[in-house]
Amino acid sequence: MTGHRVVWTQRGVAEIETFAVPSPQEGQLLLRTRVTLISPGTERAFFLGLPNTSQKYPQHAGYSNVGEVMAVGAKAEGFQVGDRVACAASHSSHVVVRAANCLPVPEDAPDEEAVFFNLAAIAMQGVRKARVELGESVVVVGSGLIGLLAMQLAKLNGALPVIAVDKDEGRLSFARQAGADATVLADDNVLSAVRHLAEADGAAVVIEATGHPEAIPQAFALAGTFGRVILLGSTRGETERVNFYRDVHKKGLTIIGAHAAMRPRVESSAGWWTTQADQRVALKLLALKRLTVQPLITHRFPWQDAPHAYALLKAWDLRALGMVLNWSNSPVS
């Protein structure tokens, strides 16, 4: 059997290739993909070979997949043919994955909403590490998918107010649709606006979700005395504009690196949950509509048009936010 998948053949070039679909081995499942979700920030960075990426090609992209079980390998317990599952697999018509890394998709979660499970889990670990308390002000810098999901999760944690900050008014419109208590344009007046909304000298928690080096000094500035700054976005580059004495030391800030890989491997504890535990919670929140993702879906592409989706990413079209690839009509031969 042959399938189709997205491959980055070289920096900035996305194509569709055919491949021989392997059979599942012990403990594995063969899935026929229904939908995948492009992660705009991370995938664009690796697609274009930005700083702090592997810069090696070819690469097979993607890590948010909702599919249907086609075959079950020996000792792959808990699943049967026809089950709908979510896993961190690539943009491919068929994938073979460990059953232990898959989660059942709740009936009330449509495919194109459930596929946000992994980005929601990535945002969730950052919010958990922030230890947001009921009534604390939270600023989220960057209204991309990760920032908008982190904003909603902070609100679910009791943050008040939740303030979205971005350079683009269109992105702030998405933040309002997703439930921001307030939105602030990242201009020369951003600090005074945040202080007014937070009713303090800055926010209790600032979540930096852009991945841009120049946003780090701004995140420090927006945090109030004894504030916590969560570096959720994977920064692509360096900045020399931080005066640590002024910006961090004198304010008593706590800076927390929240890369998704920095989690416990086996057992969850307060503030530190495993990847799969966060993914399971994300699927439940999506099924219960406590996370708003439908307004964040800006593009739906058939799998054949995946190269066009990456062309939008390459151009950094800010109108492109949630881009879903539909694999339901991929032929099998």
Foldseek 3Di string as FASTA:
>chain_A
DKWKAWKLAAQLFIAIDIDDDDDAAAQKFKWFFFKAWDDLQVVLCQSRVFAPHPRDDTDFDWFQTWTFTDDDYHNNPDDDGGFIWIAGDTGIRMDMDGSVRIDGFDPLFDPLLLSCLQLLLLLVLLLLLQVQAAAFAEEEEDLFPSSLSNLLVSVVRHHPQYEYEYQDVVSVVVSVVFPHPYYDYPDPCRQVVQCVRRVANAGQEYEYADLEQVCVLVSLNRHAQQHEYEDSHNHRDHDPPDPCVVRDVVSVYHYHYRGPVPADDPQADRSGHHSVVSSVVSSVCSSVVSGDCPVQQQEEEESNCVSVVSVCSNVVPVSHHIYMYGSPPTDDD
